[in-house]
Amino acid sequence: MKYDENRWNAIITELNTDFEQFDEVTRTQIVDDALSNAQAGEIDYKKALKVLEYLKDERSYYVWRRFYSKISYLLEQLVEKDLDNFQEILRPIVEPIAEELGWNGNSGTHLERKLRPTILRLQLKLGDQTAIQNVENQFSDWVKNDVEPYPDLKSLVYKYGMRYSETPEDFYKVLDLYASETLSSEKKKLLESMANTPFIEQKDELIRLAMYGFDPTNSGAVIRDQDVVSTILYISSSGDVGREMAWSWARVHWLEFVDRYSLNDRTLCRMAPSIVSGYSTNEKLWETRDFFDFTEDGAGVNYRNNAVESLKANIFWNENNLESIREWIDLEIE
């Protein structure tokens, strides 16, 4: 839904004065409209981001879930100083509800328990030092003292705890756990955890374990054929370095992947498009088109087309929205 300027300003005033005059569904829709319209270029971000002002008092599961899904796009597009400043502004907005929910995965109502991982994940994406310390502590208790994280927080602790690890030994400890684990859902969490190691050498070892069965510690770990592509995508999602490593492997070793799975395998054909869809520069657009033009697409033609369109949309977004966001940031941090 689009709003004229007078109506939008009135909504923001009403939200800041007494947001509960709007029901949860309406508030969720307002947040969605603001950030969706801004992402689509229908409204200036300086106006759209005014919706953040009241969120420090918001406790609705539905509003925060929608906000998380929408604000994640901005956090993926912003870099360096812009990202640092944006995170600094958002941290105090998220802090009140994060403190109320806390890190005790067994506490709270059903909806609070469902919301907790989302809020804590958002805090970690914002670089909140308290959240980082908490996830490091729970991760350390797990790998060193065998203290299992709360079930609802397992994926969070495994992923971000490894991301902030200071030693490769944590990677090898999780590798041992992966080797002995029999439950498929748990193995996937452990695999994603290892992919988030901050150490390039261990990321490379994980790729080689997946591709060739090279076990760096004779742990007995075996990554099944159906999980090889997932391993590459987990690494791609682990940060800028991981994405570059995954993109390099996808291009250089493409024929190996094809020989192993064939071009009829939709999981394989989604791999390269999934990796590149988050890029936002003309250089990466050229690399993507070059790779797609000189390799057969097989079952992946639609995935490739969608990836190119996503990349072009990201470039357009950066060219048309960064200045507006920077102006908003300057007003907020004055």
Foldseek 3Di string as FASTA:
>chain_A
DDDPPVVLVVLLVCLQVPVVVDPPVVLLVLLLCLLVCCLVVNDAVLSSCSNLPNQLVDDDLSNLVSNLVRCVLVLLQDDDPLNLLVLVLCLSSLVNLLVVLDQPLVDDDPSSNVSNQSSLVVNVSSVPPVSLVVLLVQLCCCLPVVDQGDPSCRLVSLASNQLPDDDCVSLVSLQLVLQPDDDPVVNLSSLLSSLLHPDPVSVVQSLCCLLPVDDPPPSNHHDDVVCNLVSLLSNLPNDDVSLVVSLVCCQVCVVSVCVVQNLQDVSNLLRNLSSQLSAADPVSLVVLVVSPVPDDNRVNPVSSVVSSVSNPSSNVCCVPHPVSSVVSSVVSVD
